[in-house]
């Protein structure tokens, strides 16, 4: 009996100690959780709530309209055009930035990463890395203003360069055919340095023994790149695809400065459409519905890319 009582006393003491540790843990985590709850969790659920109302962003009164905002969006042909623009922009900017960033990383990576057969810069690599990465830390508004001068059809630098090669001048941001391409160029130019830095670190972490084994087996540069380097940096590629996709879905500054959503809505994306509905048309309910759709698209794309990445790893 004494042993039993002693065991019960000891187990009760352990439970109290565990509860105390859990409380202490929550108290330590609380300062980090509070900003997350206030500035992320609450706004998300509040936006969801507003999306079921007809609030005009000014008056205190509003009415519940249930899913009317959502049905009006899906019945509006302009919304599907905006959705298509968003997906084209997200795919174009993400894929281009990752591919060009990877190629740039190959130029500045260590020699052991991919072996011989690829011409690298051996002089002033730090300067070139800084030059390529500097646009990423430059504010997007400033970058967009400079590129708006470069894209200027009459006196812009880009059309001058085209004229040197006897190519016709383009209207760039002023034409429906090239406006989206112009916005993608600016976005890729700003993002590729960020992708390059991640890939340089990933490539330099590729074990040199794998490259040496591939060289001994007679694999050329392309085979080593396809069967050794690219698979070894696939976690970095997955990370960059997820983050770059999310960033692309939230693009706004460059579109506002370069094209203002035009011409004729050719570069209007979901976030720009959200801004117009909220602050131009004063339809907070419909704008919140657009915000909810942006979140859903982000989640769907992230989950899809995660599943594809897992399947690719399993296949390999």
C-alpha atoms as a PDB file:
ATOM      1  CA  UNK A   1       0.000   0.000   0.000  1.00  0.00           C
ATOM      2  CA  UNK A   2       2.826   2.327   0.861  1.00  0.00           C
ATOM      3  CA  UNK A   3       4.458   1.683  -2.482  1.00  0.00           C
ATOM      4  CA  UNK A   4       1.135   2.240  -4.271  1.00  0.00           C
ATOM      5  CA  UNK A   5       0.514   5.512  -2.509  1.00  0.00           C
ATOM      6  CA  UNK A   6       4.078   6.581  -3.185  1.00  0.00           C
ATOM      7  CA  UNK A   7       3.613   5.798  -6.890  1.00  0.00           C
ATOM      8  CA  UNK A   8       0.350   7.749  -7.067  1.00  0.00           C
ATOM      9  CA  UNK A   9       1.985  10.679  -5.328  1.00  0.00           C
ATOM     10  CA  UNK A  10       4.936  10.555  -7.721  1.00  0.00           C
ATOM     11  CA  UNK A  11       2.736  10.318 -10.859  1.00  0.00           C
ATOM     12  CA  UNK A  12       0.569  13.199  -9.630  1.00  0.00           C
ATOM     13  CA  UNK A  13       3.672  15.251  -9.092  1.00  0.00           C
ATOM     14  CA  UNK A  14       4.828  14.460 -12.622  1.00  0.00           C
ATOM     15  CA  UNK A  15       1.474  15.544 -14.081  1.00  0.00           C
ATOM     16  CA  UNK A  16       1.635  18.844 -12.185  1.00  0.00           C
ATOM     17  CA  UNK A  17       5.205  19.371 -13.356  1.00  0.00           C
ATOM     18  CA  UNK A  18       4.170  18.613 -16.943  1.00  0.00           C
ATOM     19  CA  UNK A  19       1.269  21.057 -16.759  1.00  0.00           C
ATOM     20  CA  UNK A  20       3.590  23.693 -15.342  1.00  0.00           C
ATOM     21  CA  UNK A  21       6.082  23.125 -18.153  1.00  0.00           C
ATOM     22  CA  UNK A  22       3.310  23.404 -20.752  1.00  0.00           C
ATOM     23  CA  UNK A  23       2.121  26.677 -19.226  1.00  0.00           C
ATOM     24  CA  UNK A  24       5.671  28.028 -19.184  1.00  0.00           C
ATOM     25  CA  UNK A  25       6.096  27.004 -22.821  1.00  0.00           C
ATOM     26  CA  UNK A  26       2.915  28.790 -23.872  1.00  0.00           C
ATOM     27  CA  UNK A  27       4.013  31.910 -21.985  1.00  0.00           C
ATOM     28  CA  UNK A  28       7.313  31.927 -23.876  1.00  0.00           C
ATOM     29  CA  UNK A  29       5.574  31.402 -27.246  1.00  0.00           C
ATOM     30  CA  UNK A  30       2.808  33.944 -26.587  1.00  0.00           C
ATOM     31  CA  UNK A  31       4.829  37.066 -27.567  1.00  0.00           C
ATOM     32  CA  UNK A  32       5.466  35.508 -30.984  1.00  0.00           C
ATOM     33  CA  UNK A  33       1.889  34.231 -31.351  1.00  0.00           C
ATOM     34  CA  UNK A  34       0.187  37.538 -30.566  1.00  0.00           C
ATOM     35  CA  UNK A  35       1.413  39.398 -33.709  1.00  0.00           C
ATOM     36  CA  UNK A  36       0.546  36.328 -35.795  1.00  0.00           C
ATOM     37  CA  UNK A  37      -2.978  36.215 -34.383  1.00  0.00           C
ATOM     38  CA  UNK A  38      -3.549  39.975 -34.607  1.00  0.00           C
ATOM     39  CA  UNK A  39      -2.000  40.682 -38.005  1.00  0.00           C
ATOM     40  CA  UNK A  40      -2.621  37.409 -39.874  1.00  0.00           C
ATOM     41  CA  UNK A  41      -5.222  35.055 -38.393  1.00  0.00           C
ATOM     42  CA  UNK A  42      -7.745  37.719 -37.412  1.00  0.00           C
ATOM     43  CA  UNK A  43      -7.548  39.653 -40.742  1.00  0.00           C
ATOM     44  CA  UNK A  44      -8.042  36.412 -42.695  1.00  0.00           C
ATOM     45  CA  UNK A  45     -11.218  35.486 -40.851  1.00  0.00           C
ATOM     46  CA  UNK A  46     -12.433  39.088 -40.828  1.00  0.00           C
ATOM     47  CA  UNK A  47     -11.991  39.280 -44.613  1.00  0.00           C
ATOM     48  CA  UNK A  48     -13.956  36.070 -44.926  1.00  0.00           C
ATOM     49  CA  UNK A  49     -16.709  37.655 -42.829  1.00  0.00           C
ATOM     50  CA  UNK A  50     -16.724  40.868 -44.910  1.00  0.00           C
ATOM     51  CA  UNK A  51     -16.955  38.829 -48.125  1.00  0.00           C
ATOM     52  CA  UNK A  52     -20.496  37.815 -47.149  1.00  0.00           C
ATOM     53  CA  UNK A  53     -21.633  41.446 -46.774  1.00  0.00           C
ATOM     54  CA  UNK A  54     -22.280  44.482 -48.967  1.00  0.00           C
ATOM     55  CA  UNK A  55     -20.150  46.860 -46.894  1.00  0.00           C
ATOM     56  CA  UNK A  56     -19.047  49.943 -48.863  1.00  0.00           C
ATOM     57  CA  UNK A  57     -15.906  50.596 -46.783  1.00  0.00           C
ATOM     58  CA  UNK A  58     -17.284  53.943 -45.516  1.00  0.00           C
ATOM     59  CA  UNK A  59     -20.614  53.572 -43.753  1.00  0.00           C
ATOM     60  CA  UNK A  60     -21.078  51.722 -40.483  1.00  0.00           C
ATOM     61  CA  UNK A  61     -24.086  49.759 -41.708  1.00  0.00           C
ATOM     62  CA  UNK A  62     -23.995  46.714 -43.941  1.00  0.00           C
ATOM     63  CA  UNK A  63     -26.207  43.820 -44.970  1.00  0.00           C
ATOM     64  CA  UNK A  64     -25.455  40.142 -45.278  1.00  0.00           C
ATOM     65  CA  UNK A  65     -25.650  38.986 -48.886  1.00  0.00           C
ATOM     66  CA  UNK A  66     -24.287  35.469 -48.268  1.00  0.00           C
ATOM     67  CA  UNK A  67     -22.550  34.234 -51.459  1.00  0.00           C
ATOM     68  CA  UNK A  68     -23.782  37.004 -53.754  1.00  0.00           C
ATOM     69  CA  UNK A  69     -20.308  38.543 -54.024  1.00  0.00           C
ATOM     70  CA  UNK A  70     -18.870  35.212 -55.112  1.00  0.00           C
ATOM     71  CA  UNK A  71     -21.597  34.473 -57.634  1.00  0.00           C
ATOM     72  CA  UNK A  72     -21.248  37.950 -59.141  1.00  0.00           C
ATOM     73  CA  UNK A  73     -17.527  37.352 -59.580  1.00  0.00           C
ATOM     74  CA  UNK A  74     -17.958  34.012 -61.315  1.00  0.00           C
ATOM     75  CA  UNK A  75     -20.624  35.477 -63.604  1.00  0.00           C
ATOM     76  CA  UNK A  76     -18.364  38.367 -64.626  1.00  0.00           C
ATOM     77  CA  UNK A  77     -16.255  37.644 -67.757  1.00  0.00           C
ATOM     78  CA  UNK A  78     -13.752  40.276 -66.603  1.00  0.00           C
ATOM     79  CA  UNK A  79     -12.965  38.200 -63.538  1.00  0.00           C
ATOM     80  CA  UNK A  80     -11.909  35.199 -65.623  1.00  0.00           C
ATOM     81  CA  UNK A  81      -9.744  37.473 -67.761  1.00  0.00           C
ATOM     82  CA  UNK A  82      -8.108  38.778 -64.577  1.00  0.00           C
ATOM     83  CA  UNK A  83      -7.665  35.207 -63.319  1.00  0.00           C
ATOM     84  CA  UNK A  84      -6.023  34.167 -66.601  1.00  0.00           C
ATOM     85  CA  UNK A  85      -3.703  37.183 -66.451  1.00  0.00           C
ATOM     86  CA  UNK A  86      -2.726  36.255 -62.903  1.00  0.00           C
ATOM     87  CA  UNK A  87      -1.882  32.655 -63.802  1.00  0.00           C
ATOM     88  CA  UNK A  88       0.080  33.693 -66.910  1.00  0.00           C
ATOM     89  CA  UNK A  89       2.043  36.236 -64.911  1.00  0.00           C
ATOM     90  CA  UNK A  90       2.687  33.809 -62.037  1.00  0.00           C
ATOM     91  CA  UNK A  91       3.881  31.020 -64.327  1.00  0.00           C
ATOM     92  CA  UNK A  92       5.930  33.274 -66.612  1.00  0.00           C
ATOM     93  CA  UNK A  93       7.726  35.171 -63.868  1.00  0.00           C
ATOM     94  CA  UNK A  94       8.294  32.157 -61.597  1.00  0.00           C
ATOM     95  CA  UNK A  95       9.592  29.784 -64.267  1.00  0.00           C
ATOM     96  CA  UNK A  96      11.816  32.424 -65.897  1.00  0.00           C
ATOM     97  CA  UNK A  97      13.336  33.657 -62.628  1.00  0.00           C
ATOM     98  CA  UNK A  98      14.122  30.113 -61.452  1.00  0.00           C
ATOM     99  CA  UNK A  99      15.634  28.959 -64.769  1.00  0.00           C
ATOM    100  CA  UNK A 100      17.746  32.088 -65.295  1.00  0.00           C
ATOM    101  CA  UNK A 101      18.717  32.137 -61.613  1.00  0.00           C
ATOM    102  CA  UNK A 102      19.880  28.519 -61.868  1.00  0.00           C
ATOM    103  CA  UNK A 103      21.948  29.234 -64.987  1.00  0.00           C
ATOM    104  CA  UNK A 104      23.486  32.281 -63.308  1.00  0.00           C
ATOM    105  CA  UNK A 105      24.307  30.149 -60.257  1.00  0.00           C
ATOM    106  CA  UNK A 106      26.136  27.661 -62.480  1.00  0.00           C
ATOM    107  CA  UNK A 107      28.344  30.490 -63.712  1.00  0.00           C
ATOM    108  CA  UNK A 108      29.362  31.511 -60.189  1.00  0.00           C
ATOM    109  CA  UNK A 109      29.394  28.148 -58.396  1.00  0.00           C
ATOM    110  CA  UNK A 110      32.457  26.205 -57.276  1.00  0.00           C
ATOM    111  CA  UNK A 111      34.245  24.016 -59.822  1.00  0.00           C
ATOM    112  CA  UNK A 112      33.547  20.804 -57.867  1.00  0.00           C
ATOM    113  CA  UNK A 113      29.777  21.201 -58.217  1.00  0.00           C
ATOM    114  CA  UNK A 114      29.326  20.158 -61.845  1.00  0.00           C
ATOM    115  CA  UNK A 115      32.829  19.368 -62.943  1.00  0.00           C
ATOM    116  CA  UNK A 116      34.432  20.489 -66.169  1.00  0.00           C
ATOM    117  CA  UNK A 117      32.643  21.338 -69.393  1.00  0.00           C
ATOM    118  CA  UNK A 118      30.945  24.571 -68.350  1.00  0.00           C
ATOM    119  CA  UNK A 119      32.560  28.005 -68.648  1.00  0.00           C
ATOM    120  CA  UNK A 120      32.447  29.877 -65.334  1.00  0.00           C
ATOM    121  CA  UNK A 121      33.507  33.318 -64.207  1.00  0.00           C
ATOM    122  CA  UNK A 122      36.687  33.031 -62.159  1.00  0.00           C
ATOM    123  CA  UNK A 123      37.421  36.748 -61.829  1.00  0.00           C
ATOM    124  CA  UNK A 124      35.289  39.242 -59.945  1.00  0.00           C
ATOM    125  CA  UNK A 125      32.578  36.760 -59.020  1.00  0.00           C
ATOM    126  CA  UNK A 126      31.722  38.726 -55.895  1.00  0.00           C
ATOM    127  CA  UNK A 127      31.150  41.867 -57.966  1.00  0.00           C
ATOM    128  CA  UNK A 128      28.950  40.021 -60.462  1.00  0.00           C
ATOM    129  CA  UNK A 129      26.942  38.372 -57.675  1.00  0.00           C
ATOM    130  CA  UNK A 130      26.383  41.733 -56.012  1.00  0.00           C
ATOM    131  CA  UNK A 131      25.398  43.310 -59.323  1.00  0.00           C
ATOM    132  CA  UNK A 132      22.833  40.588 -60.079  1.00  0.00           C
ATOM    133  CA  UNK A 133      21.472  40.464 -56.523  1.00  0.00           C
ATOM    134  CA  UNK A 134      21.199  44.255 -56.042  1.00  0.00           C
ATOM    135  CA  UNK A 135      17.818  44.606 -57.845  1.00  0.00           C
ATOM    136  CA  UNK A 136      16.243  42.288 -55.260  1.00  0.00           C
ATOM    137  CA  UNK A 137      16.986  44.691 -52.400  1.00  0.00           C
ATOM    138  CA  UNK A 138      15.872  47.712 -54.436  1.00  0.00           C
ATOM    139  CA  UNK A 139      12.263  48.856 -53.845  1.00  0.00           C
ATOM    140  CA  UNK A 140       9.939  47.609 -56.567  1.00  0.00           C
ATOM    141  CA  UNK A 141       8.505  51.085 -57.145  1.00  0.00           C
ATOM    142  CA  UNK A 142      11.973  52.498 -57.876  1.00  0.00           C
ATOM    143  CA  UNK A 143      12.779  49.553 -60.140  1.00  0.00           C
ATOM    144  CA  UNK A 144       9.503  49.982 -62.022  1.00  0.00           C
ATOM    145  CA  UNK A 145      10.039  53.717 -62.547  1.00  0.00           C
ATOM    146  CA  UNK A 146      13.478  53.108 -64.070  1.00  0.00           C
ATOM    147  CA  UNK A 147      12.113  50.360 -66.320  1.00  0.00           C
ATOM    148  CA  UNK A 148       9.258  52.587 -67.441  1.00  0.00           C
ATOM    149  CA  UNK A 149      11.920  54.884 -68.909  1.00  0.00           C
ATOM    150  CA  UNK A 150      13.705  51.913 -70.499  1.00  0.00           C
ATOM    151  CA  UNK A 151      10.418  50.738 -72.070  1.00  0.00           C
ATOM    152  CA  UNK A 152       9.506  54.189 -73.431  1.00  0.00           C
ATOM    153  CA  UNK A 153       8.710  53.569 -77.136  1.00  0.00           C
ATOM    154  CA  UNK A 154      10.309  56.707 -78.603  1.00  0.00           C
ATOM    155  CA  UNK A 155      13.394  57.446 -76.500  1.00  0.00           C
ATOM    156  CA  UNK A 156      13.706  54.289 -74.404  1.00  0.00           C
ATOM    157  CA  UNK A 157      16.999  52.413 -74.188  1.00  0.00           C
ATOM    158  CA  UNK A 158      15.461  49.056 -75.080  1.00  0.00           C
ATOM    159  CA  UNK A 159      14.130  50.166 -78.457  1.00  0.00           C
ATOM    160  CA  UNK A 160      17.479  51.847 -79.145  1.00  0.00           C
ATOM    161  CA  UNK A 161      19.209  48.504 -78.572  1.00  0.00           C
ATOM    162  CA  UNK A 162      16.729  46.818 -80.901  1.00  0.00           C
ATOM    163  CA  UNK A 163      17.466  49.404 -83.584  1.00  0.00           C
ATOM    164  CA  UNK A 164      21.183  48.509 -83.419  1.00  0.00           C
ATOM    165  CA  UNK A 165      20.210  45.012 -84.564  1.00  0.00           C
ATOM    166  CA  UNK A 166      17.809  46.411 -87.187  1.00  0.00           C
ATOM    167  CA  UNK A 167      14.801  45.077 -85.277  1.00  0.00           C
ATOM    168  CA  UNK A 168      11.463  46.919 -85.207  1.00  0.00           C
ATOM    169  CA  UNK A 169      10.669  49.081 -82.192  1.00  0.00           C
ATOM    170  CA  UNK A 170       7.990  47.823 -79.807  1.00  0.00           C
ATOM    171  CA  UNK A 171       5.433  49.712 -77.748  1.00  0.00           C
ATOM    172  CA  UNK A 172       6.142  47.527 -74.710  1.00  0.00           C
ATOM    173  CA  UNK A 173       3.878  48.669 -71.854  1.00  0.00           C
ATOM    174  CA  UNK A 174       1.603  50.580 -74.230  1.00  0.00           C
ATOM    175  CA  UNK A 175       0.549  47.550 -76.283  1.00  0.00           C
ATOM    176  CA  UNK A 176      -1.756  44.698 -75.288  1.00  0.00           C
ATOM    177  CA  UNK A 177       0.604  42.257 -77.022  1.00  0.00           C
ATOM    178  CA  UNK A 178       3.710  43.165 -75.021  1.00  0.00           C
ATOM    179  CA  UNK A 179       2.432  44.744 -71.788  1.00  0.00           C
ATOM    180  CA  UNK A 180       2.357  41.498 -69.801  1.00  0.00           C
ATOM    181  CA  UNK A 181       5.768  40.531 -71.173  1.00  0.00           C
ATOM    182  CA  UNK A 182       7.110  43.891 -69.974  1.00  0.00           C
ATOM    183  CA  UNK A 183       5.822  43.350 -66.442  1.00  0.00           C
ATOM    184  CA  UNK A 184       7.259  39.818 -66.396  1.00  0.00           C
ATOM    185  CA  UNK A 185      10.666  41.108 -67.551  1.00  0.00           C
ATOM    186  CA  UNK A 186      10.798  43.612 -64.702  1.00  0.00           C
ATOM    187  CA  UNK A 187       9.701  41.001 -62.149  1.00  0.00           C
ATOM    188  CA  UNK A 188      12.223  38.421 -63.354  1.00  0.00           C
ATOM    189  CA  UNK A 189      15.019  41.008 -63.398  1.00  0.00           C
ATOM    190  CA  UNK A 190      14.295  41.787 -59.767  1.00  0.00           C
ATOM    191  CA  UNK A 191      13.823  38.188 -58.558  1.00  0.00           C
ATOM    192  CA  UNK A 192      16.520  36.215 -60.388  1.00  0.00           C
ATOM    193  CA  UNK A 193      19.326  37.394 -58.076  1.00  0.00           C
ATOM    194  CA  UNK A 194      17.413  36.017 -55.103  1.00  0.00           C
ATOM    195  CA  UNK A 195      17.017  32.647 -56.836  1.00  0.00           C
ATOM    196  CA  UNK A 196      20.681  32.717 -57.869  1.00  0.00           C
ATOM    197  CA  UNK A 197      21.906  33.092 -54.274  1.00  0.00           C
ATOM    198  CA  UNK A 198      19.894  30.068 -53.137  1.00  0.00           C
ATOM    199  CA  UNK A 199      21.083  27.978 -56.073  1.00  0.00           C
ATOM    200  CA  UNK A 200      24.747  28.908 -55.554  1.00  0.00           C
ATOM    201  CA  UNK A 201      24.577  27.575 -52.007  1.00  0.00           C
ATOM    202  CA  UNK A 202      22.680  24.459 -53.132  1.00  0.00           C
ATOM    203  CA  UNK A 203      25.078  23.712 -56.014  1.00  0.00           C
ATOM    204  CA  UNK A 204      28.152  24.184 -53.825  1.00  0.00           C
ATOM    205  CA  UNK A 205      26.700  21.634 -51.370  1.00  0.00           C
ATOM    206  CA  UNK A 206      26.534  18.934 -54.049  1.00  0.00           C
ATOM    207  CA  UNK A 207      29.084  16.278 -52.983  1.00  0.00           C
ATOM    208  CA  UNK A 208      32.123  16.388 -55.204  1.00  0.00           C
ATOM    209  CA  UNK A 209      32.352  12.593 -55.031  1.00  0.00           C
ATOM    210  CA  UNK A 210      29.128  12.282 -57.033  1.00  0.00           C
ATOM    211  CA  UNK A 211      30.490  14.508 -59.779  1.00  0.00           C
ATOM    212  CA  UNK A 212      33.786  12.635 -59.825  1.00  0.00           C
ATOM    213  CA  UNK A 213      31.973   9.278 -60.045  1.00  0.00           C
ATOM    214  CA  UNK A 214      29.887  10.567 -62.956  1.00  0.00           C
ATOM    215  CA  UNK A 215      33.026  11.784 -64.738  1.00  0.00           C
ATOM    216  CA  UNK A 216      34.719   8.397 -64.246  1.00  0.00           C
ATOM    217  CA  UNK A 217      31.623   6.723 -65.724  1.00  0.00           C
ATOM    218  CA  UNK A 218      32.031   8.907 -68.801  1.00  0.00           C
ATOM    219  CA  UNK A 219      29.096  11.258 -68.234  1.00  0.00           C
ATOM    220  CA  UNK A 220      29.376  14.553 -70.067  1.00  0.00           C
ATOM    221  CA  UNK A 221      28.406  17.930 -68.670  1.00  0.00           C
ATOM    222  CA  UNK A 222      24.764  17.706 -69.750  1.00  0.00           C
ATOM    223  CA  UNK A 223      24.301  14.233 -68.235  1.00  0.00           C
ATOM    224  CA  UNK A 224      25.983  15.318 -65.002  1.00  0.00           C
ATOM    225  CA  UNK A 225      23.731  18.350 -64.901  1.00  0.00           C
ATOM    226  CA  UNK A 226      20.544  16.342 -65.514  1.00  0.00           C
ATOM    227  CA  UNK A 227      21.306  13.280 -63.396  1.00  0.00           C
ATOM    228  CA  UNK A 228      23.407  14.762 -60.563  1.00  0.00           C
ATOM    229  CA  UNK A 229      23.138  18.525 -60.103  1.00  0.00           C
ATOM    230  CA  UNK A 230      19.458  19.126 -60.806  1.00  0.00           C
ATOM    231  CA  UNK A 231      18.198  16.238 -58.622  1.00  0.00           C
ATOM    232  CA  UNK A 232      20.503  17.291 -55.772  1.00  0.00           C
ATOM    233  CA  UNK A 233      19.195  20.879 -55.810  1.00  0.00           C
ATOM    234  CA  UNK A 234      15.541  19.839 -56.174  1.00  0.00           C
ATOM    235  CA  UNK A 235      14.644  20.817 -52.557  1.00  0.00           C
ATOM    236  CA  UNK A 236      15.865  24.337 -53.312  1.00  0.00           C
ATOM    237  CA  UNK A 237      13.872  24.348 -56.544  1.00  0.00           C
ATOM    238  CA  UNK A 238      10.743  23.274 -54.663  1.00  0.00           C
ATOM    239  CA  UNK A 239      11.246  26.038 -52.084  1.00  0.00           C
ATOM    240  CA  UNK A 240      11.790  28.685 -54.769  1.00  0.00           C
ATOM    241  CA  UNK A 241       8.754  27.568 -56.772  1.00  0.00           C
ATOM    242  CA  UNK A 242       6.468  27.813 -53.731  1.00  0.00           C
ATOM    243  CA  UNK A 243       7.746  31.186 -52.521  1.00  0.00           C
ATOM    244  CA  UNK A 244       8.009  32.719 -56.011  1.00  0.00           C
ATOM    245  CA  UNK A 245       4.471  31.616 -56.850  1.00  0.00           C
ATOM    246  CA  UNK A 246       3.111  33.238 -53.704  1.00  0.00           C
ATOM    247  CA  UNK A 247       5.054  36.441 -54.451  1.00  0.00           C
ATOM    248  CA  UNK A 248       3.772  36.472 -58.036  1.00  0.00           C
ATOM    249  CA  UNK A 249       0.160  36.128 -56.921  1.00  0.00           C
ATOM    250  CA  UNK A 250       0.667  39.210 -54.745  1.00  0.00           C
ATOM    251  CA  UNK A 251       2.250  41.372 -57.460  1.00  0.00           C
ATOM    252  CA  UNK A 252       0.925  44.912 -57.464  1.00  0.00           C
ATOM    253  CA  UNK A 253       3.576  47.667 -57.389  1.00  0.00           C
ATOM    254  CA  UNK A 254       5.141  46.988 -60.791  1.00  0.00           C
ATOM    255  CA  UNK A 255       1.730  46.687 -62.430  1.00  0.00           C
ATOM    256  CA  UNK A 256       0.542  49.980 -60.965  1.00  0.00           C
ATOM    257  CA  UNK A 257       3.656  51.891 -62.020  1.00  0.00           C
ATOM    258  CA  UNK A 258       4.260  50.316 -65.420  1.00  0.00           C
ATOM    259  CA  UNK A 259       0.785  49.783 -66.872  1.00  0.00           C
ATOM    260  CA  UNK A 260      -1.835  50.751 -64.294  1.00  0.00           C
ATOM    261  CA  UNK A 261      -3.548  47.471 -65.140  1.00  0.00           C
ATOM    262  CA  UNK A 262      -3.775  48.298 -68.827  1.00  0.00           C
ATOM    263  CA  UNK A 263      -3.834  48.612 -71.681  1.00  0.00           C
ATOM    264  CA  UNK A 264      -7.457  47.480 -71.790  1.00  0.00           C
ATOM    265  CA  UNK A 265      -6.962  45.288 -68.711  1.00  0.00           C
ATOM    266  CA  UNK A 266      -4.162  43.238 -70.302  1.00  0.00           C
ATOM    267  CA  UNK A 267      -2.073  43.296 -67.107  1.00  0.00           C
ATOM    268  CA  UNK A 268      -4.812  43.461 -64.487  1.00  0.00           C
ATOM    269  CA  UNK A 269      -4.203  40.699 -61.929  1.00  0.00           C
ATOM    270  CA  UNK A 270      -6.248  39.542 -58.956  1.00  0.00           C
ATOM    271  CA  UNK A 271      -4.527  41.760 -56.410  1.00  0.00           C
ATOM    272  CA  UNK A 272      -4.890  44.809 -58.671  1.00  0.00           C
ATOM    273  CA  UNK A 273      -8.535  43.863 -59.218  1.00  0.00           C
ATOM    274  CA  UNK A 274      -8.926  43.651 -55.437  1.00  0.00           C
ATOM    275  CA  UNK A 275      -7.527  47.170 -55.082  1.00  0.00           C
ATOM    276  CA  UNK A 276      -9.907  48.553 -57.700  1.00  0.00           C
ATOM    277  CA  UNK A 277     -12.963  46.955 -56.125  1.00  0.00           C
ATOM    278  CA  UNK A 278     -12.043  48.111 -52.617  1.00  0.00           C
ATOM    279  CA  UNK A 279     -10.709  51.647 -53.144  1.00  0.00           C
ATOM    280  CA  UNK A 280     -12.124  52.690 -56.519  1.00  0.00           C
ATOM    281  CA  UNK A 281     -15.570  51.057 -56.491  1.00  0.00           C
ATOM    282  CA  UNK A 282     -15.865  51.031 -52.652  1.00  0.00           C
ATOM    283  CA  UNK A 283     -17.130  47.458 -52.697  1.00  0.00           C
ATOM    284  CA  UNK A 284     -15.379  45.980 -49.683  1.00  0.00           C
ATOM    285  CA  UNK A 285     -17.512  42.845 -49.761  1.00  0.00           C
ATOM    286  CA  UNK A 286     -16.603  41.977 -53.337  1.00  0.00           C
ATOM    287  CA  UNK A 287     -12.967  42.918 -52.753  1.00  0.00           C
ATOM    288  CA  UNK A 288     -12.842  40.608 -49.740  1.00  0.00           C
ATOM    289  CA  UNK A 289     -14.268  37.816 -51.884  1.00  0.00           C
ATOM    290  CA  UNK A 290     -11.383  38.382 -54.310  1.00  0.00           C
ATOM    291  CA  UNK A 291      -8.943  38.237 -51.377  1.00  0.00           C
ATOM    292  CA  UNK A 292     -10.422  34.933 -50.229  1.00  0.00           C
ATOM    293  CA  UNK A 293     -10.063  33.550 -53.753  1.00  0.00           C
ATOM    294  CA  UNK A 294      -6.402  34.652 -53.820  1.00  0.00           C
ATOM    295  CA  UNK A 295      -5.798  32.750 -50.574  1.00  0.00           C
ATOM    296  CA  UNK A 296      -7.546  29.655 -51.955  1.00  0.00           C
ATOM    297  CA  UNK A 297      -5.534  29.752 -55.187  1.00  0.00           C
ATOM    298  CA  UNK A 298      -2.323  30.126 -53.174  1.00  0.00           C
ATOM    299  CA  UNK A 299      -3.215  27.124 -51.018  1.00  0.00           C
ATOM    300  CA  UNK A 300      -4.230  25.003 -54.027  1.00  0.00           C
ATOM    301  CA  UNK A 301      -1.044  25.800 -55.951  1.00  0.00           C
ATOM    302  CA  UNK A 302       1.133  25.202 -52.887  1.00  0.00           C
ATOM    303  CA  UNK A 303      -0.499  21.835 -52.154  1.00  0.00           C
ATOM    304  CA  UNK A 304      -0.315  20.817 -55.829  1.00  0.00           C
ATOM    305  CA  UNK A 305       3.373  21.728 -56.066  1.00  0.00           C
ATOM    306  CA  UNK A 306       4.050  19.842 -52.833  1.00  0.00           C
ATOM    307  CA  UNK A 307       2.345  16.712 -54.160  1.00  0.00           C
ATOM    308  CA  UNK A 308       4.219  16.934 -57.480  1.00  0.00           C
ATOM    309  CA  UNK A 309       7.494  17.383 -55.625  1.00  0.00           C
ATOM    310  CA  UNK A 310       6.852  14.303 -53.463  1.00  0.00           C
ATOM    311  CA  UNK A 311       5.954  12.222 -56.511  1.00  0.00           C
ATOM    312  CA  UNK A 312       9.113  13.360 -58.274  1.00  0.00           C
ATOM    313  CA  UNK A 313      11.257  12.410 -55.277  1.00  0.00           C
ATOM    314  CA  UNK A 314       9.516   9.033 -55.023  1.00  0.00           C
ATOM    315  CA  UNK A 315      10.027   8.431 -58.742  1.00  0.00           C
ATOM    316  CA  UNK A 316      13.706   9.236 -58.490  1.00  0.00           C
END
